[in-house]
Protein backbone atom coordinates (compact mmCIF):
# COMPACT_ATOMS: atom_id res chain seq x y z
CA UNK A 1 -12.06 27.09 -13.89
CA UNK A 2 -14.27 24.15 -15.74
CA UNK A 3 -16.94 23.91 -13.00
CA UNK A 4 -20.41 21.86 -12.97
CA UNK A 5 -23.44 21.60 -10.62
CA UNK A 6 -23.70 19.39 -8.27
CA UNK A 7 -26.39 17.01 -8.77
CA UNK A 8 -29.87 18.45 -8.14
CA UNK A 9 -28.22 21.61 -7.85
CA UNK A 10 -29.59 24.83 -9.71
CA UNK A 11 -25.96 27.35 -9.94
CA UNK A 12 -26.36 30.82 -10.79
CA UNK A 13 -23.83 32.26 -13.24
CA UNK A 14 -23.86 35.85 -12.43
CA UNK A 15 -22.03 37.03 -15.40
CA UNK A 16 -23.94 35.39 -17.82
CA UNK A 17 -27.16 36.00 -15.89
CA UNK A 18 -28.30 32.37 -15.89
CA UNK A 19 -27.92 28.83 -14.46
CA UNK A 20 -24.85 27.05 -15.34
CA UNK A 21 -25.50 24.43 -17.40
CA UNK A 22 -25.97 20.47 -15.86
CA UNK A 23 -22.43 19.93 -18.22
CA UNK A 24 -20.40 22.56 -16.88
CA UNK A 25 -19.40 25.40 -17.91
CA UNK A 26 -16.03 27.02 -18.10
CA UNK A 27 -15.91 30.28 -15.66
CA UNK A 28 -13.29 33.25 -14.42
CA UNK A 29 -11.74 32.30 -11.72
CA UNK A 30 -13.04 34.45 -8.42
CA UNK A 31 -14.20 34.28 -5.18
CA UNK A 32 -18.17 33.57 -5.96
CA UNK A 33 -16.84 30.21 -7.58
CA UNK A 34 -14.99 29.76 -4.71
CA UNK A 35 -17.60 30.08 -1.94
CA UNK A 36 -19.55 28.26 -4.01
CA UNK A 37 -17.46 25.36 -3.79
CA UNK A 38 -16.90 25.77 -0.75
CA UNK A 39 -21.08 25.76 0.30
CA UNK A 40 -21.20 22.20 -1.99
CA UNK A 41 -22.85 23.39 -4.38
CA UNK A 42 -20.00 22.80 -7.62
CA UNK A 43 -17.75 20.82 -8.14
CA UNK A 44 -14.72 21.38 -11.07
CA UNK A 45 -13.86 19.45 -13.54
CA UNK A 46 -10.55 18.27 -14.91
CA UNK A 47 -9.96 17.82 -18.45
CA UNK A 48 -8.34 14.62 -20.03
CA UNK A 49 -4.75 15.05 -19.66
CA UNK A 50 -4.56 17.80 -17.32
CA UNK A 51 -2.19 16.78 -14.86
CA UNK A 52 -1.35 18.51 -11.35
CA UNK A 53 2.58 17.97 -11.95
CA UNK A 54 3.48 21.06 -9.68
CA UNK A 55 6.22 20.43 -7.22
CA UNK A 56 6.44 22.83 -3.84
């Protein structure tokens, strides 16, 4: 999952032991990153050409 911090936020990356860079980073999908997203600390970045074409 590619994520970046929202403007003005400093978000620690527990797997690397540093802060998430402003341009974003590919991180392992886990509960930590879902909690950061729910708290409004990060946003997911979709790559060019990525489409959610899954049909339910």
